[in-house]
Amino acid sequence: MTPGIAALFDVAVMASSLSGWELASQLVQLLEYAGIAGIAGGSVCLLRYRDERRRAVVLFVSYIGLCALAGFNGALLGFLLQVGMTSGAGLAGMLDLEMARLLLGFEVGSATLLRLAGFLIPTLACAWFASQLGERPPSRFRYHALGAAHGFALLLLLASFAVAGHVAVLGPVAKAAIALHVLAAATWVGAFVPLLHLCLHGEGPVTARLMKRFGDMARHCLFALFVAGLVLVFELFHSPGELFSTAYGLALLGKLALVAALLALAACNRFAFVPRMARSGGGGRLAWGIRAEIVVAALILAVTGYLATVVGPPAMPM
């Protein structure tokens, strides 16, 4: 059996033999990723791509707050799952206070505290912002205050990836690369839901201009993703051949294939559907394209969770 076929077989075996703990860990990891994406992408849309209608502002703030709340629950449940798996006492072990105190002293505890704080800040900030909404548009100060709170929260969330995970044992370059990678990806895919709302309920020409501005910004996110991803590949693999001969490498290639599909959809939206919307005012095709992007982005987040919780890089076996 060739190394590539053997690695593909390993991926299939691991995926089919996941325990309940591992499946639960992947689900809560997905909640955390969705939370980070909602905070990053939703905040960018709220600050730069809103169309000033009260309905859009309320939806954007609600989206950010709900994503942050989902991420908070994911981080809390993820830590409790770690407690349960470590204690070996089944579901009741998740409430083992002694084991929880012990884990809080390790990297997983530090990362959890950073993520809980990083998700709680936007949740409270969005609740405050929503309570101040009236008939008049919010002042610029309120937008800036909300943006500053979300920016600080994102710093805490990005720092958590440097404390625990695959890159925790690597150097500062790799840690900076994972932070850049997470931020760029979250900003890009987290904006899809707000943009879909604008497409469905906004005015055609205005929405088309906002979509074009977002497309210009997304190019910078893609460049950051490429640079950070290249750095991480060099750090996480001993040789290029391991991309095709290890379970981690093949899973990563599957993720890259999904990213390529997402790029194709983004290009179609940017160069075909947005100009059509600007001319005719109809956003049906663009809405379809954004919905497809959301589905592919969800698959990418699921594969990312699999890479983070089930298989490890060849340079750092789990």
Protein backbone atom coordinates (compact mmCIF):
# COMPACT_ATOMS: atom_id res chain seq x y z
CA MET A 1 0.00 0.00 0.00
CA THR A 2 1.46 3.37 -1.00
CA PRO A 3 1.98 6.03 1.71
CA GLY A 4 -0.75 8.23 0.26
CA ILE A 5 -3.35 5.43 0.20
CA ALA A 6 -2.33 4.38 3.71
CA ALA A 7 -2.73 7.96 4.98
CA LEU A 8 -6.13 8.26 3.31
CA PHE A 9 -7.15 5.01 4.95
CA ASP A 10 -5.99 6.39 8.32
CA VAL A 11 -8.13 9.50 7.83
CA ALA A 12 -11.19 7.36 7.08
CA VAL A 13 -10.55 5.09 10.07
CA MET A 14 -10.08 8.00 12.46
CA ALA A 15 -13.17 9.79 11.18
CA SER A 16 -15.32 6.65 11.51
CA SER A 17 -14.02 5.69 14.95
CA LEU A 18 -14.44 9.01 16.74
CA SER A 19 -15.55 8.60 20.31
CA GLY A 20 -18.42 10.57 21.81
CA TRP A 21 -15.90 12.78 23.61
CA GLU A 22 -14.08 13.55 20.35
CA LEU A 23 -17.29 14.31 18.48
CA ALA A 24 -18.42 16.60 21.29
CA SER A 25 -15.02 18.32 21.29
CA GLN A 26 -15.33 18.97 17.57
CA LEU A 27 -18.80 20.45 17.97
CA VAL A 28 -17.73 22.85 20.71
CA GLN A 29 -14.64 23.74 18.67
CA LEU A 30 -16.98 24.62 15.81
CA LEU A 31 -18.94 26.90 18.17
CA GLU A 32 -15.72 28.68 19.14
CA TYR A 33 -14.63 29.15 15.52
CA ALA A 34 -18.08 30.45 14.58
CA GLY A 35 -17.94 32.82 17.54
CA ILE A 36 -14.59 34.27 16.49
CA ALA A 37 -15.77 34.60 12.89
CA GLY A 38 -18.96 36.36 13.95
CA ILE A 39 -17.07 38.86 16.11
CA ALA A 40 -14.42 39.63 13.49
CA GLY A 41 -16.53 39.62 10.33
CA GLY A 42 -19.62 41.09 11.96
CA SER A 43 -17.65 43.95 13.50
CA VAL A 44 -16.02 44.83 10.19
CA CYS A 45 -19.42 44.90 8.49
CA LEU A 46 -20.97 46.96 11.29
CA LEU A 47 -18.19 49.53 11.23
CA ARG A 48 -17.54 49.73 7.48
CA TYR A 49 -20.32 48.14 5.42
CA ARG A 50 -23.61 49.02 7.12
CA ASP A 51 -26.15 51.01 5.10
CA GLU A 52 -27.30 53.12 8.11
CA ARG A 53 -30.76 51.57 8.26
CA ARG A 54 -31.78 50.79 11.85
CA ARG A 55 -32.85 47.29 10.86
CA ALA A 56 -29.41 46.48 9.51
CA VAL A 57 -27.65 47.89 12.58
CA VAL A 58 -29.86 45.86 14.92
CA LEU A 59 -29.28 42.68 12.93
CA PHE A 60 -25.49 43.18 12.76
CA VAL A 61 -25.23 43.82 16.51
CA SER A 62 -27.50 40.86 17.28
CA TYR A 63 -25.43 38.64 14.99
CA ILE A 64 -22.18 39.60 16.72
CA GLY A 65 -23.67 39.19 20.19
CA LEU A 66 -25.20 35.78 19.44
CA CYS A 67 -21.99 34.51 17.84
CA ALA A 68 -20.00 35.70 20.86
CA LEU A 69 -22.46 33.98 23.20
CA ALA A 70 -22.19 30.76 21.18
CA GLY A 71 -18.40 30.99 21.37
CA PHE A 72 -18.55 31.53 25.14
CA ASN A 73 -20.67 28.42 25.55
CA GLY A 74 -18.32 26.50 23.26
CA ALA A 75 -15.26 27.52 25.28
CA LEU A 76 -16.94 26.63 28.57
CA LEU A 77 -18.23 23.28 27.32
CA GLY A 78 -14.85 22.53 25.75
CA PHE A 79 -13.12 22.98 29.09
CA LEU A 80 -15.72 20.83 30.88
CA LEU A 81 -15.18 18.12 28.25
CA GLN A 82 -11.44 18.27 28.96
CA VAL A 83 -12.20 17.87 32.66
CA GLY A 84 -14.46 14.88 31.97
CA MET A 85 -11.98 13.15 29.64
CA THR A 86 -9.10 13.69 32.06
CA SER A 87 -11.00 12.50 35.11
CA GLY A 88 -12.14 9.32 33.36
CA ALA A 89 -15.40 9.36 35.30
CA GLY A 90 -17.78 9.76 32.38
CA LEU A 91 -20.23 12.65 32.10
CA ALA A 92 -20.23 13.14 35.87
CA GLY A 93 -16.49 13.76 35.65
CA MET A 94 -17.17 17.03 33.81
CA LEU A 95 -18.19 18.48 37.19
CA ASP A 96 -15.07 17.28 39.02
CA LEU A 97 -14.00 20.53 40.74
CA GLU A 98 -10.60 19.21 41.81
CA MET A 99 -9.73 18.20 38.25
CA ALA A 100 -11.02 21.54 36.95
CA ARG A 101 -8.75 23.43 39.37
CA LEU A 102 -5.84 21.26 38.28
CA LEU A 103 -6.43 21.90 34.56
CA LEU A 104 -6.77 25.64 35.15
CA GLY A 105 -3.08 25.61 36.10
CA PHE A 106 -2.07 24.21 32.70
CA GLU A 107 -2.08 25.66 29.18
CA VAL A 108 -5.62 24.46 28.48
CA GLY A 109 -6.85 26.42 31.50
CA SER A 110 -5.06 29.60 30.43
CA ALA A 111 -6.42 29.30 26.89
CA THR A 112 -9.94 28.72 28.23
CA LEU A 113 -9.84 31.80 30.46
CA LEU A 114 -8.60 33.93 27.55
CA ARG A 115 -11.41 32.66 25.32
CA LEU A 116 -14.11 33.06 27.95
CA ALA A 117 -13.04 36.68 28.46
CA GLY A 118 -12.70 37.21 24.71
CA PHE A 119 -16.26 36.01 24.09
CA LEU A 120 -17.83 37.66 27.14
CA ILE A 121 -16.63 41.17 26.26
CA PRO A 122 -18.43 41.37 22.87
CA THR A 123 -21.54 39.77 24.37
CA LEU A 124 -21.78 42.49 27.01
CA ALA A 125 -20.68 45.25 24.61
CA CYS A 126 -23.37 44.32 22.08
CA ALA A 127 -25.99 44.21 24.85
CA TRP A 128 -24.91 47.71 25.94
CA PHE A 129 -24.94 49.02 22.35
CA ALA A 130 -28.39 47.54 21.68
CA SER A 131 -29.77 49.11 24.87
CA GLN A 132 -28.66 52.53 23.62
CA LEU A 133 -30.37 52.23 20.25
CA GLY A 134 -33.22 54.63 19.70
CA GLU A 135 -34.89 56.22 16.73
CA ARG A 136 -31.82 58.35 16.03
CA PRO A 137 -28.70 56.69 14.54
CA PRO A 138 -25.98 55.79 17.10
CA SER A 139 -23.23 58.35 17.55
CA ARG A 140 -19.76 57.80 16.14
CA PHE A 141 -18.43 57.49 19.70
CA ARG A 142 -20.64 54.46 20.35
CA TYR A 143 -19.43 52.76 17.18
CA HIS A 144 -15.81 53.47 18.13
CA ALA A 145 -16.35 52.22 21.69
CA LEU A 146 -17.94 49.04 20.41
CA GLY A 147 -15.15 48.54 17.87
CA ALA A 148 -12.48 49.04 20.55
CA ALA A 149 -14.13 46.47 22.83
CA HIS A 150 -14.34 43.95 20.01
CA GLY A 151 -10.76 44.61 18.97
CA PHE A 152 -9.51 43.95 22.51
CA ALA A 153 -11.61 40.79 22.67
CA LEU A 154 -10.12 39.54 19.42
CA LEU A 155 -6.61 40.09 20.81
CA LEU A 156 -7.50 37.85 23.77
CA LEU A 157 -8.95 35.20 21.47
CA LEU A 158 -5.92 35.23 19.17
CA ALA A 159 -3.60 35.01 22.18
CA SER A 160 -5.38 31.82 23.25
CA PHE A 161 -4.13 30.05 20.12
CA ALA A 162 -0.54 30.83 21.09
CA VAL A 163 -1.05 29.44 24.61
CA ALA A 164 -2.48 26.04 23.68
CA GLY A 165 -2.70 23.98 20.51
CA HIS A 166 -0.30 22.83 17.83
CA VAL A 167 1.70 26.03 17.67
CA ALA A 168 2.03 26.54 21.42
CA VAL A 169 5.44 24.81 21.39
CA LEU A 170 6.67 26.67 18.30
CA GLY A 171 8.48 29.98 18.00
CA PRO A 172 7.07 33.51 17.80
CA VAL A 173 6.93 33.49 13.99
CA ALA A 174 4.61 30.48 13.92
CA LYS A 175 2.47 31.97 16.69
CA ALA A 176 2.16 35.24 14.79
CA ALA A 177 1.28 33.26 11.66
CA ILE A 178 -1.57 31.36 13.35
CA ALA A 179 -2.92 34.61 14.81
CA LEU A 180 -2.85 36.25 11.37
CA HIS A 181 -4.38 33.16 9.78
CA VAL A 182 -7.27 33.02 12.27
CA LEU A 183 -7.96 36.76 12.08
CA ALA A 184 -7.94 36.90 8.28
CA ALA A 185 -10.13 33.81 7.89
CA ALA A 186 -12.56 34.95 10.60
CA THR A 187 -12.92 38.42 9.10
CA TRP A 188 -13.62 36.98 5.66
CA VAL A 189 -16.09 34.19 6.42
CA GLY A 190 -17.69 35.95 9.39
CA ALA A 191 -18.95 38.69 7.10
CA PHE A 192 -21.05 36.38 4.91
CA VAL A 193 -24.22 36.48 7.04
CA PRO A 194 -24.35 40.31 7.36
CA LEU A 195 -23.62 40.64 3.65
CA LEU A 196 -26.43 38.21 2.84
CA HIS A 197 -28.83 40.41 4.82
CA LEU A 198 -27.71 43.48 2.88
CA CYS A 199 -28.13 41.62 -0.37
CA LEU A 200 -31.68 40.52 0.46
CA HIS A 201 -32.95 43.73 2.06
CA GLY A 202 -30.73 46.57 0.86
CA GLU A 203 -31.05 48.88 -2.12
CA GLY A 204 -29.40 47.42 -5.21
CA PRO A 205 -26.91 50.15 -6.19
CA VAL A 206 -25.96 50.95 -2.57
CA THR A 207 -25.50 47.28 -1.70
CA ALA A 208 -23.46 46.71 -4.85
CA ARG A 209 -21.05 49.48 -3.81
CA LEU A 210 -20.72 47.98 -0.33
CA MET A 211 -20.10 44.53 -1.81
CA LYS A 212 -17.41 45.92 -4.06
CA ARG A 213 -15.72 47.60 -1.09
CA PHE A 214 -15.87 44.34 0.85
CA GLY A 215 -14.35 42.48 -2.11
CA ASP A 216 -11.45 44.91 -2.16
CA MET A 217 -10.86 44.33 1.57
CA ALA A 218 -11.19 40.55 1.17
CA ARG A 219 -8.18 40.53 -1.16
CA HIS A 220 -6.02 41.64 1.76
CA CYS A 221 -7.48 38.84 3.90
CA LEU A 222 -6.65 36.30 1.20
CA PHE A 223 -3.08 37.55 0.94
CA ALA A 224 -2.70 37.28 4.72
CA LEU A 225 -4.15 33.76 4.63
CA PHE A 226 -1.69 32.71 1.94
CA VAL A 227 1.38 34.10 3.73
CA ALA A 228 0.37 32.75 7.15
CA GLY A 229 -0.58 29.36 5.70
CA LEU A 230 2.75 29.05 3.92
CA VAL A 231 4.64 29.77 7.15
CA LEU A 232 2.58 27.21 9.06
CA VAL A 233 3.12 24.49 6.44
CA PHE A 234 6.89 24.92 6.76
CA GLU A 235 6.60 24.81 10.55
CA LEU A 236 4.21 21.84 10.85
CA PHE A 237 5.69 19.47 8.25
CA HIS A 238 9.14 17.94 8.01
CA SER A 239 8.93 17.68 4.21
CA PRO A 240 6.45 18.47 1.40
CA GLY A 241 5.88 14.75 0.88
CA GLU A 242 4.11 14.52 4.23
CA LEU A 243 1.22 16.48 2.74
CA PHE A 244 0.40 13.33 0.74
CA SER A 245 1.62 10.59 3.07
CA THR A 246 0.13 11.55 6.45
CA ALA A 247 -3.42 11.74 7.76
CA TYR A 248 -2.92 15.36 8.79
CA GLY A 249 -1.55 16.28 5.38
CA LEU A 250 -4.46 14.71 3.48
CA ALA A 251 -7.00 16.34 5.77
CA LEU A 252 -5.24 19.67 5.18
CA LEU A 253 -5.38 19.10 1.41
CA GLY A 254 -9.11 18.46 1.75
CA LYS A 255 -9.43 21.77 3.57
CA LEU A 256 -7.45 23.52 0.83
CA ALA A 257 -9.79 22.04 -1.79
CA LEU A 258 -12.74 23.57 0.07
CA VAL A 259 -10.90 26.89 0.27
CA ALA A 260 -10.38 26.74 -3.51
CA ALA A 261 -14.13 26.19 -3.95
CA LEU A 262 -14.81 29.15 -1.68
CA LEU A 263 -12.44 31.30 -3.72
CA ALA A 264 -14.24 30.30 -6.92
CA LEU A 265 -17.58 31.30 -5.42
CA ALA A 266 -16.13 34.59 -4.17
CA ALA A 267 -14.73 35.37 -7.62
CA CYS A 268 -18.08 34.60 -9.23
CA ASN A 269 -19.87 36.89 -6.78
CA ARG A 270 -17.34 39.70 -7.14
CA PHE A 271 -16.96 39.76 -10.91
CA ALA A 272 -20.34 38.48 -12.15
CA PHE A 273 -23.15 38.89 -9.63
CA VAL A 274 -22.14 42.20 -8.01
CA PRO A 275 -21.90 44.06 -11.38
CA ARG A 276 -25.24 42.52 -12.39
CA MET A 277 -26.78 43.74 -9.14
CA ALA A 278 -25.39 47.25 -9.74
CA ARG A 279 -27.04 47.32 -13.17
CA SER A 280 -30.40 45.70 -12.48
CA GLY A 281 -30.84 46.12 -8.72
CA GLY A 282 -31.74 42.44 -8.27
CA GLY A 283 -29.67 40.48 -5.77
CA GLY A 284 -31.10 36.98 -6.23
CA ARG A 285 -28.04 35.44 -7.84
CA LEU A 286 -25.68 37.17 -5.42
CA ALA A 287 -27.76 35.92 -2.48
CA TRP A 288 -27.48 32.39 -3.85
CA GLY A 289 -23.72 32.78 -4.17
CA ILE A 290 -23.37 34.04 -0.58
CA ARG A 291 -25.49 31.17 0.74
CA ALA A 292 -23.19 28.73 -1.06
CA GLU A 293 -20.20 30.49 0.52
CA ILE A 294 -21.73 30.06 3.98
CA VAL A 295 -22.17 26.30 3.42
CA VAL A 296 -18.59 25.84 2.20
CA ALA A 297 -17.24 28.01 5.02
CA ALA A 298 -19.08 25.81 7.56
CA LEU A 299 -17.43 22.73 6.04
CA ILE A 300 -14.03 24.42 6.28
CA LEU A 301 -14.59 25.19 9.96
CA ALA A 302 -15.61 21.55 10.55
CA VAL A 303 -12.42 20.25 8.89
CA THR A 304 -10.39 22.77 10.90
CA GLY A 305 -11.93 21.40 14.08
CA TYR A 306 -11.01 17.86 12.96
CA LEU A 307 -7.40 18.94 12.38
CA ALA A 308 -7.27 20.60 15.80
CA THR A 309 -8.83 17.84 17.88
CA VAL A 310 -8.31 14.46 16.17
CA VAL A 311 -5.10 14.44 14.15
CA GLY A 312 -1.82 16.20 14.80
CA PRO A 313 0.88 17.56 12.46
CA PRO A 314 3.75 15.17 11.63
CA ALA A 315 6.20 17.51 13.34
CA MET A 316 4.18 17.32 16.56
CA PRO A 317 2.41 13.95 16.92
CA MET A 318 -0.63 14.03 19.21
